Amino acid sequence: MLARLSDRRIDVPLEISVVGFDDIPLASLSAPRLTTVSLPLEQAGRSLLELLLHPQTDGQGSAVPCGRLLPVWLVIRSSTAPVRRART
């Protein structure tokens, strides 16, 4: 996305902010450095396995939908900026 915007001469973050998800290692190496949502991948994997290996049932053997809440955090880097006021 950052490369495509650069090719089109759209300034990140002055004209548009870009946010990624899952904080891959390249996020901090891109230009501009990518703001991203980060999450505990190892904990997510463990939770998924636990849900798959030990499904919840309703007492009659039917599976019950369930999930887990995991912490996430925003890693602010240079691909985002405050909203500018629109010209009137």
PDB file of N, CA and C in Angstrom:
ATOM      1  N   MET A   1       0.826  -1.179   0.000  1.00  0.00           N
ATOM      2  CA  MET A   1       0.000   0.000   0.000  1.00  0.00           C
ATOM      3  C   MET A   1       0.878   1.253   0.000  1.00  0.00           C
ATOM      4  N   LEU A   2       1.888   1.256   0.859  1.00  0.00           N
ATOM      5  CA  LEU A   2       2.763   2.430   0.930  1.00  0.00           C
ATOM      6  C   LEU A   2       3.466   2.676  -0.405  1.00  0.00           C
ATOM      7  N   ALA A   3       3.934   1.620  -1.049  1.00  0.00           N
ATOM      8  CA  ALA A   3       4.611   1.773  -2.341  1.00  0.00           C
ATOM      9  C   ALA A   3       3.647   2.287  -3.399  1.00  0.00           C
ATOM     10  N   ARG A   4       2.422   1.752  -3.423  1.00  0.00           N
ATOM     11  CA  ARG A   4       1.432   2.185  -4.416  1.00  0.00           C
ATOM     12  C   ARG A   4       1.073   3.658  -4.219  1.00  0.00           C
ATOM     13  N   LEU A   5       0.893   4.071  -2.982  1.00  0.00           N
ATOM     14  CA  LEU A   5       0.594   5.475  -2.709  1.00  0.00           C
ATOM     15  C   LEU A   5       1.762   6.361  -3.119  1.00  0.00           C
ATOM     16  N   SER A   6       2.968   5.920  -2.853  1.00  0.00           N
ATOM     17  CA  SER A   6       4.157   6.669  -3.259  1.00  0.00           C
ATOM     18  C   SER A   6       4.225   6.794  -4.782  1.00  0.00           C
ATOM     19  N   ASP A   7       3.949   5.693  -5.495  1.00  0.00           N
ATOM     20  CA  ASP A   7       3.937   5.726  -6.963  1.00  0.00           C
ATOM     21  C   ASP A   7       2.950   6.759  -7.492  1.00  0.00           C
ATOM     22  N   ARG A   8       1.856   6.938  -6.778  1.00  0.00           N
ATOM     23  CA  ARG A   8       0.817   7.898  -7.194  1.00  0.00           C
ATOM     24  C   ARG A   8       1.051   9.293  -6.619  1.00  0.00           C
ATOM     25  N   ARG A   9       2.201   9.464  -5.990  1.00  0.00           N
ATOM     26  CA  ARG A   9       2.601  10.741  -5.389  1.00  0.00           C
ATOM     27  C   ARG A   9       1.589  11.242  -4.345  1.00  0.00           C
ATOM     28  N   ILE A  10       1.064  10.298  -3.573  1.00  0.00           N
ATOM     29  CA  ILE A  10       0.181  10.622  -2.450  1.00  0.00           C
ATOM     30  C   ILE A  10       1.025  10.564  -1.191  1.00  0.00           C
ATOM     31  N   ASP A  11       1.101  11.677  -0.485  1.00  0.00           N
ATOM     32  CA  ASP A  11       1.974  11.788   0.679  1.00  0.00           C
ATOM     33  C   ASP A  11       1.363  11.107   1.904  1.00  0.00           C
ATOM     34  N   VAL A  12       2.081  10.106   2.410  1.00  0.00           N
ATOM     35  CA  VAL A  12       1.704   9.444   3.653  1.00  0.00           C
ATOM     36  C   VAL A  12       2.631   9.992   4.731  1.00  0.00           C
ATOM     37  N   PRO A  13       2.145  10.591   5.786  1.00  0.00           N
ATOM     38  CA  PRO A  13       0.781  10.662   6.252  1.00  0.00           C
ATOM     39  C   PRO A  13       0.089  12.002   6.027  1.00  0.00           C
ATOM     40  N   LEU A  14       0.707  12.915   5.270  1.00  0.00           N
ATOM     41  CA  LEU A  14       0.090  14.242   5.124  1.00  0.00           C
ATOM     42  C   LEU A  14      -1.254  14.204   4.404  1.00  0.00           C
ATOM     43  N   GLU A  15      -1.405  13.338   3.397  1.00  0.00           N
ATOM     44  CA  GLU A  15      -2.666  13.262   2.665  1.00  0.00           C
ATOM     45  C   GLU A  15      -3.545  12.101   3.102  1.00  0.00           C
ATOM     46  N   ILE A  16      -2.920  11.026   3.566  1.00  0.00           N
ATOM     47  CA  ILE A  16      -3.660   9.848   4.004  1.00  0.00           C
ATOM     48  C   ILE A  16      -2.824   9.099   5.031  1.00  0.00           C
ATOM     49  N   SER A  17      -3.494   8.570   6.054  1.00  0.00           N
ATOM     50  CA  SER A  17      -2.813   7.742   7.052  1.00  0.00           C
ATOM     51  C   SER A  17      -3.021   6.275   6.691  1.00  0.00           C
ATOM     52  N   VAL A  18      -2.030   5.445   6.999  1.00  0.00           N
ATOM     53  CA  VAL A  18      -2.106   4.015   6.717  1.00  0.00           C
ATOM     54  C   VAL A  18      -1.778   3.257   8.005  1.00  0.00           C
ATOM     55  N   VAL A  19      -2.621   2.250   8.315  1.00  0.00           N
ATOM     56  CA  VAL A  19      -2.422   1.425   9.501  1.00  0.00           C
ATOM     57  C   VAL A  19      -2.441  -0.035   9.076  1.00  0.00           C
ATOM     58  N   GLY A  20      -1.486  -0.808   9.569  1.00  0.00           N
ATOM     59  CA  GLY A  20      -1.432  -2.238   9.293  1.00  0.00           C
ATOM     60  C   GLY A  20      -1.962  -3.027  10.470  1.00  0.00           C
ATOM     61  N   PHE A  21      -1.923  -4.346  10.324  1.00  0.00           N
ATOM     62  CA  PHE A  21      -2.397  -5.226  11.386  1.00  0.00           C
ATOM     63  C   PHE A  21      -1.425  -6.386  11.553  1.00  0.00           C
ATOM     64  N   ASP A  22      -1.050  -6.700  12.720  1.00  0.00           N
ATOM     65  CA  ASP A  22      -0.248  -7.810  13.227  1.00  0.00           C
ATOM     66  C   ASP A  22       1.247  -7.522  13.312  1.00  0.00           C
ATOM     67  N   ASP A  23       1.647  -6.300  13.092  1.00  0.00           N
ATOM     68  CA  ASP A  23       3.006  -5.812  13.370  1.00  0.00           C
ATOM     69  C   ASP A  23       4.120  -6.730  12.856  1.00  0.00           C
ATOM     70  N   ILE A  24       4.082  -7.036  11.563  1.00  0.00           N
ATOM     71  CA  ILE A  24       5.133  -7.847  10.960  1.00  0.00           C
ATOM     72  C   ILE A  24       6.464  -7.101  11.058  1.00  0.00           C
ATOM     73  N   PRO A  25       7.587  -7.795  11.048  1.00  0.00           N
ATOM     74  CA  PRO A  25       8.888  -7.133  11.208  1.00  0.00           C
ATOM     75  C   PRO A  25       9.146  -6.012  10.196  1.00  0.00           C
ATOM     76  N   LEU A  26       8.659  -6.143   8.978  1.00  0.00           N
ATOM     77  CA  LEU A  26       8.901  -5.103   7.975  1.00  0.00           C
ATOM     78  C   LEU A  26       8.158  -3.796   8.270  1.00  0.00           C
ATOM     79  N   ALA A  27       7.167  -3.834   9.158  1.00  0.00           N
ATOM     80  CA  ALA A  27       6.401  -2.627   9.463  1.00  0.00           C
ATOM     81  C   ALA A  27       7.294  -1.508   9.989  1.00  0.00           C
ATOM     82  N   SER A  28       8.286  -1.870  10.784  1.00  0.00           N
ATOM     83  CA  SER A  28       9.167  -0.838  11.348  1.00  0.00           C
ATOM     84  C   SER A  28      10.297  -0.460  10.392  1.00  0.00           C
ATOM     85  N   LEU A  29      10.400  -1.165   9.266  1.00  0.00           N
ATOM     86  CA  LEU A  29      11.469  -0.888   8.301  1.00  0.00           C
ATOM     87  C   LEU A  29      10.977  -0.172   7.049  1.00  0.00           C
ATOM     88  N   SER A  30       9.658  -0.075   6.876  1.00  0.00           N
ATOM     89  CA  SER A  30       9.108   0.559   5.676  1.00  0.00           C
ATOM     90  C   SER A  30       9.344   2.067   5.729  1.00  0.00           C
ATOM     91  N   ALA A  31       9.091   2.721   4.617  1.00  0.00           N
ATOM     92  CA  ALA A  31       9.217   4.180   4.568  1.00  0.00           C
ATOM     93  C   ALA A  31       7.921   4.752   4.007  1.00  0.00           C
ATOM     94  N   PRO A  32       7.168   5.460   4.807  1.00  0.00           N
ATOM     95  CA  PRO A  32       7.357   5.715   6.236  1.00  0.00           C
ATOM     96  C   PRO A  32       7.109   4.442   7.045  1.00  0.00           C
ATOM     97  N   ARG A  33       7.604   4.457   8.282  1.00  0.00           N
ATOM     98  CA  ARG A  33       7.407   3.295   9.154  1.00  0.00           C
ATOM     99  C   ARG A  33       5.918   3.125   9.448  1.00  0.00           C
ATOM    100  N   LEU A  34       5.412   1.889   9.335  1.00  0.00           N
ATOM    101  CA  LEU A  34       3.983   1.613   9.370  1.00  0.00           C
ATOM    102  C   LEU A  34       3.426   1.542  10.790  1.00  0.00           C
ATOM    103  N   THR A  35       2.449   2.399  11.074  1.00  0.00           N
ATOM    104  CA  THR A  35       1.665   2.276  12.298  1.00  0.00           C
ATOM    105  C   THR A  35       0.882   0.975  12.189  1.00  0.00           C
ATOM    106  N   THR A  36       0.778   0.225  13.288  1.00  0.00           N
ATOM    107  CA  THR A  36       0.146  -1.088  13.189  1.00  0.00           C
ATOM    108  C   THR A  36      -0.537  -1.494  14.485  1.00  0.00           C
ATOM    109  N   VAL A  37      -1.516  -2.370  14.352  1.00  0.00           N
ATOM    110  CA  VAL A  37      -2.140  -3.008  15.506  1.00  0.00           C
ATOM    111  C   VAL A  37      -1.336  -4.271  15.790  1.00  0.00           C
ATOM    112  N   SER A  38      -0.911  -4.428  17.015  1.00  0.00           N
ATOM    113  CA  SER A  38      -0.097  -5.566  17.397  1.00  0.00           C
ATOM    114  C   SER A  38      -0.888  -6.454  18.353  1.00  0.00           C
ATOM    115  N   LEU A  39      -0.635  -7.754  18.292  1.00  0.00           N
ATOM    116  CA  LEU A  39      -1.306  -8.693  19.168  1.00  0.00           C
ATOM    117  C   LEU A  39      -0.349  -9.818  19.537  1.00  0.00           C
ATOM    118  N   PRO A  40      -0.637 -10.529  20.629  1.00  0.00           N
ATOM    119  CA  PRO A  40       0.246 -11.616  21.061  1.00  0.00           C
ATOM    120  C   PRO A  40      -0.007 -12.871  20.210  1.00  0.00           C
ATOM    121  N   LEU A  41       0.758 -13.060  19.142  1.00  0.00           N
ATOM    122  CA  LEU A  41       0.521 -14.164  18.211  1.00  0.00           C
ATOM    123  C   LEU A  41       0.650 -15.534  18.874  1.00  0.00           C
ATOM    124  N   GLU A  42       1.625 -15.688  19.765  1.00  0.00           N
ATOM    125  CA  GLU A  42       1.785 -16.980  20.433  1.00  0.00           C
ATOM    126  C   GLU A  42       0.560 -17.298  21.288  1.00  0.00           C
ATOM    127  N   GLN A  43       0.055 -16.312  22.009  1.00  0.00           N
ATOM    128  CA  GLN A  43      -1.136 -16.508  22.836  1.00  0.00           C
ATOM    129  C   GLN A  43      -2.354 -16.794  21.962  1.00  0.00           C
ATOM    130  N   ALA A  44      -2.450 -16.140  20.819  1.00  0.00           N
ATOM    131  CA  ALA A  44      -3.559 -16.390  19.895  1.00  0.00           C
ATOM    132  C   ALA A  44      -3.519 -17.825  19.387  1.00  0.00           C
ATOM    133  N   GLY A  45      -2.341 -18.305  19.040  1.00  0.00           N
ATOM    134  CA  GLY A  45      -2.189 -19.685  18.572  1.00  0.00           C
ATOM    135  C   GLY A  45      -2.555 -20.692  19.645  1.00  0.00           C
ATOM    136  N   ARG A  46      -2.104 -20.447  20.878  1.00  0.00           N
ATOM    137  CA  ARG A  46      -2.439 -21.346  21.984  1.00  0.00           C
ATOM    138  C   ARG A  46      -3.938 -21.371  22.240  1.00  0.00           C
ATOM    139  N   SER A  47      -4.571 -20.212  22.194  1.00  0.00           N
ATOM    140  CA  SER A  47      -6.014 -20.141  22.417  1.00  0.00           C
ATOM    141  C   SER A  47      -6.784 -20.884  21.328  1.00  0.00           C
ATOM    142  N   LEU A  48      -6.341 -20.739  20.095  1.00  0.00           N
ATOM    143  CA  LEU A  48      -6.992 -21.440  18.995  1.00  0.00           C
ATOM    144  C   LEU A  48      -6.903 -22.952  19.186  1.00  0.00           C
ATOM    145  N   LEU A  49      -5.715 -23.450  19.500  1.00  0.00           N
ATOM    146  CA  LEU A  49      -5.551 -24.885  19.725  1.00  0.00           C
ATOM    147  C   LEU A  49      -6.422 -25.380  20.874  1.00  0.00           C
ATOM    148  N   GLU A  50      -6.481 -24.609  21.943  1.00  0.00           N
ATOM    149  CA  GLU A  50      -7.305 -24.997  23.092  1.00  0.00           C
ATOM    150  C   GLU A  50      -8.780 -25.079  22.692  1.00  0.00           C
ATOM    151  N   LEU A  51      -9.244 -24.107  21.916  1.00  0.00           N
ATOM    152  CA  LEU A  51     -10.646 -24.126  21.473  1.00  0.00           C
ATOM    153  C   LEU A  51     -10.930 -25.299  20.537  1.00  0.00           C
ATOM    154  N   LEU A  52      -9.960 -25.627  19.686  1.00  0.00           N
ATOM    155  CA  LEU A  52     -10.155 -26.746  18.756  1.00  0.00           C
ATOM    156  C   LEU A  52     -10.092 -28.099  19.466  1.00  0.00           C
ATOM    157  N   LEU A  53      -9.180 -28.240  20.414  1.00  0.00           N
ATOM    158  CA  LEU A  53      -9.003 -29.519  21.098  1.00  0.00           C
ATOM    159  C   LEU A  53     -10.032 -29.766  22.195  1.00  0.00           C
ATOM    160  N   HIS A  54     -10.593 -28.691  22.740  1.00  0.00           N
ATOM    161  CA  HIS A  54     -11.564 -28.810  23.833  1.00  0.00           C
ATOM    162  C   HIS A  54     -12.795 -27.954  23.541  1.00  0.00           C
ATOM    163  N   PRO A  55     -13.597 -28.333  22.540  1.00  0.00           N
ATOM    164  CA  PRO A  55     -14.768 -27.514  22.191  1.00  0.00           C
ATOM    165  C   PRO A  55     -15.794 -27.488  23.324  1.00  0.00           C
ATOM    166  N   GLN A  56     -16.477 -26.389  23.462  1.00  0.00           N
ATOM    167  CA  GLN A  56     -17.523 -26.237  24.465  1.00  0.00           C
ATOM    168  C   GLN A  56     -18.809 -26.862  23.934  1.00  0.00           C
ATOM    169  N   THR A  57     -19.553 -27.558  24.817  1.00  0.00           N
ATOM    170  CA  THR A  57     -20.826 -28.152  24.419  1.00  0.00           C
ATOM    171  C   THR A  57     -21.928 -27.652  25.340  1.00  0.00           C
ATOM    172  N   ASP A  58     -23.153 -27.845  24.903  1.00  0.00           N
ATOM    173  CA  ASP A  58     -24.323 -27.364  25.649  1.00  0.00           C
ATOM    174  C   ASP A  58     -24.883 -28.393  26.622  1.00  0.00           C
ATOM    175  N   GLY A  59     -24.193 -29.471  26.892  1.00  0.00           N
ATOM    176  CA  GLY A  59     -24.685 -30.504  27.790  1.00  0.00           C
ATOM    177  C   GLY A  59     -25.405 -31.628  27.057  1.00  0.00           C
ATOM    178  N   GLN A  60     -25.784 -31.362  25.801  1.00  0.00           N
ATOM    179  CA  GLN A  60     -26.435 -32.383  24.984  1.00  0.00           C
ATOM    180  C   GLN A  60     -25.522 -32.816  23.842  1.00  0.00           C
ATOM    181  N   GLY A  61     -24.281 -32.394  23.904  1.00  0.00           N
ATOM    182  CA  GLY A  61     -23.310 -32.790  22.892  1.00  0.00           C
ATOM    183  C   GLY A  61     -23.195 -31.841  21.712  1.00  0.00           C
ATOM    184  N   SER A  62     -24.024 -30.806  21.675  1.00  0.00           N
ATOM    185  CA  SER A  62     -23.944 -29.839  20.570  1.00  0.00           C
ATOM    186  C   SER A  62     -22.898 -28.778  20.878  1.00  0.00           C
ATOM    187  N   ALA A  63     -22.126 -28.445  19.869  1.00  0.00           N
ATOM    188  CA  ALA A  63     -21.083 -27.422  20.042  1.00  0.00           C
ATOM    189  C   ALA A  63     -21.706 -26.058  20.286  1.00  0.00           C
ATOM    190  N   VAL A  64     -21.083 -25.290  21.145  1.00  0.00           N
ATOM    191  CA  VAL A  64     -21.520 -23.932  21.469  1.00  0.00           C
ATOM    192  C   VAL A  64     -20.467 -22.976  20.932  1.00  0.00           C
ATOM    193  N   PRO A  65     -20.882 -21.964  20.154  1.00  0.00           N
ATOM    194  CA  PRO A  65     -19.896 -20.981  19.671  1.00  0.00           C
ATOM    195  C   PRO A  65     -19.229 -20.289  20.860  1.00  0.00           C
ATOM    196  N   CYS A  66     -17.937 -20.130  20.776  1.00  0.00           N
ATOM    197  CA  CYS A  66     -17.222 -19.441  21.838  1.00  0.00           C
ATOM    198  C   CYS A  66     -15.989 -18.764  21.241  1.00  0.00           C
ATOM    199  N   GLY A  67     -15.384 -17.928  22.001  1.00  0.00           N
ATOM    200  CA  GLY A  67     -14.201 -17.208  21.537  1.00  0.00           C
ATOM    201  C   GLY A  67     -13.378 -16.753  22.719  1.00  0.00           C
ATOM    202  N   ARG A  68     -12.322 -16.064  22.432  1.00  0.00           N
ATOM    203  CA  ARG A  68     -11.426 -15.525  23.450  1.00  0.00           C
ATOM    204  C   ARG A  68     -11.113 -14.079  23.102  1.00  0.00           C
ATOM    205  N   LEU A  69     -11.004 -13.288  24.128  1.00  0.00           N
ATOM    206  CA  LEU A  69     -10.557 -11.910  23.947  1.00  0.00           C
ATOM    207  C   LEU A  69      -9.069 -11.853  24.241  1.00  0.00           C
ATOM    208  N   LEU A  70      -8.327 -11.277  23.315  1.00  0.00           N
ATOM    209  CA  LEU A  70      -6.889 -11.124  23.498  1.00  0.00           C
ATOM    210  C   LEU A  70      -6.543  -9.643  23.517  1.00  0.00           C
ATOM    211  N   PRO A  71      -5.507  -9.278  24.255  1.00  0.00           N
ATOM    212  CA  PRO A  71      -5.114  -7.867  24.259  1.00  0.00           C
ATOM    213  C   PRO A  71      -4.502  -7.476  22.915  1.00  0.00           C
ATOM    214  N   VAL A  72      -4.779  -6.277  22.498  1.00  0.00           N
ATOM    215  CA  VAL A  72      -4.147  -5.711  21.309  1.00  0.00           C
ATOM    216  C   VAL A  72      -3.674  -4.314  21.672  1.00  0.00           C
ATOM    217  N   TRP A  73      -2.704  -3.803  20.938  1.00  0.00           N
ATOM    218  CA  TRP A  73      -2.256  -2.443  21.189  1.00  0.00           C
ATOM    219  C   TRP A  73      -1.851  -1.810  19.872  1.00  0.00           C
ATOM    220  N   LEU A  74      -1.937  -0.506  19.853  1.00  0.00           N
ATOM    221  CA  LEU A  74      -1.599   0.276  18.672  1.00  0.00           C
ATOM    222  C   LEU A  74      -0.156   0.758  18.789  1.00  0.00           C
ATOM    223  N   VAL A  75       0.662   0.392  17.795  1.00  0.00           N
ATOM    224  CA  VAL A  75       2.063   0.832  17.744  1.00  0.00           C
ATOM    225  C   VAL A  75       2.113   1.991  16.753  1.00  0.00           C
ATOM    226  N   ILE A  76       2.213   3.189  17.277  1.00  0.00           N
ATOM    227  CA  ILE A  76       2.166   4.382  16.427  1.00  0.00           C
ATOM    228  C   ILE A  76       3.551   4.668  15.867  1.00  0.00           C
ATOM    229  N   ARG A  77       3.598   4.736  14.534  1.00  0.00           N
ATOM    230  CA  ARG A  77       4.839   5.069  13.840  1.00  0.00           C
ATOM    231  C   ARG A  77       4.547   6.246  12.901  1.00  0.00           C
ATOM    232  N   SER A  78       5.318   6.401  11.870  1.00  0.00           N
ATOM    233  CA  SER A  78       5.220   7.621  11.065  1.00  0.00           C
ATOM    234  C   SER A  78       4.264   7.550   9.871  1.00  0.00           C
ATOM    235  N   SER A  79       3.452   6.494   9.744  1.00  0.00           N
ATOM    236  CA  SER A  79       2.508   6.427   8.618  1.00  0.00           C
ATOM    237  C   SER A  79       1.146   7.013   8.961  1.00  0.00           C
ATOM    238  N   THR A  80       1.022   7.578  10.156  1.00  0.00           N
ATOM    239  CA  THR A  80      -0.231   8.213  10.553  1.00  0.00           C
ATOM    240  C   THR A  80       0.044   9.608  11.091  1.00  0.00           C
ATOM    241  N   ALA A  81      -0.969  10.461  10.972  1.00  0.00           N
ATOM    242  CA  ALA A  81      -0.869  11.832  11.462  1.00  0.00           C
ATOM    243  C   ALA A  81      -2.259  12.293  11.874  1.00  0.00           C
ATOM    244  N   PRO A  82      -2.330  13.333  12.697  1.00  0.00           N
ATOM    245  CA  PRO A  82      -3.647  13.875  13.065  1.00  0.00           C
ATOM    246  C   PRO A  82      -4.403  14.347  11.831  1.00  0.00           C
ATOM    247  N   VAL A  83      -5.724  14.303  11.914  1.00  0.00           N
ATOM    248  CA  VAL A  83      -6.568  14.773  10.816  1.00  0.00           C
ATOM    249  C   VAL A  83      -6.356  16.264  10.624  1.00  0.00           C
ATOM    250  N   ARG A  84      -6.180  16.665   9.361  1.00  0.00           N
ATOM    251  CA  ARG A  84      -6.048  18.081   9.053  1.00  0.00           C
ATOM    252  C   ARG A  84      -7.434  18.653   8.817  1.00  0.00           C
ATOM    253  N   ARG A  85      -7.601  19.916   9.104  1.00  0.00           N
ATOM    254  CA  ARG A  85      -8.883  20.573   8.851  1.00  0.00           C
ATOM    255  C   ARG A  85      -9.085  20.720   7.349  1.00  0.00           C
ATOM    256  N   ALA A  86     -10.308  20.484   6.908  1.00  0.00           N
ATOM    257  CA  ALA A  86     -10.642  20.647   5.490  1.00  0.00           C
ATOM    258  C   ALA A  86     -10.620  22.123   5.133  1.00  0.00           C
ATOM    259  N   ARG A  87     -10.221  22.371   3.892  1.00  0.00           N
ATOM    260  CA  ARG A  87     -10.238  23.768   3.420  1.00  0.00           C
ATOM    261  C   ARG A  87     -11.660  24.180   3.140  1.00  0.00           C
ATOM    262  N   THR A  88     -11.976  25.438   3.441  1.00  0.00           N
ATOM    263  CA  THR A  88     -13.351  25.928   3.172  1.00  0.00           C
ATOM    264  C   THR A  88     -13.342  26.926   2.058  1.00  0.00           C
TER     265      THR A  88
END
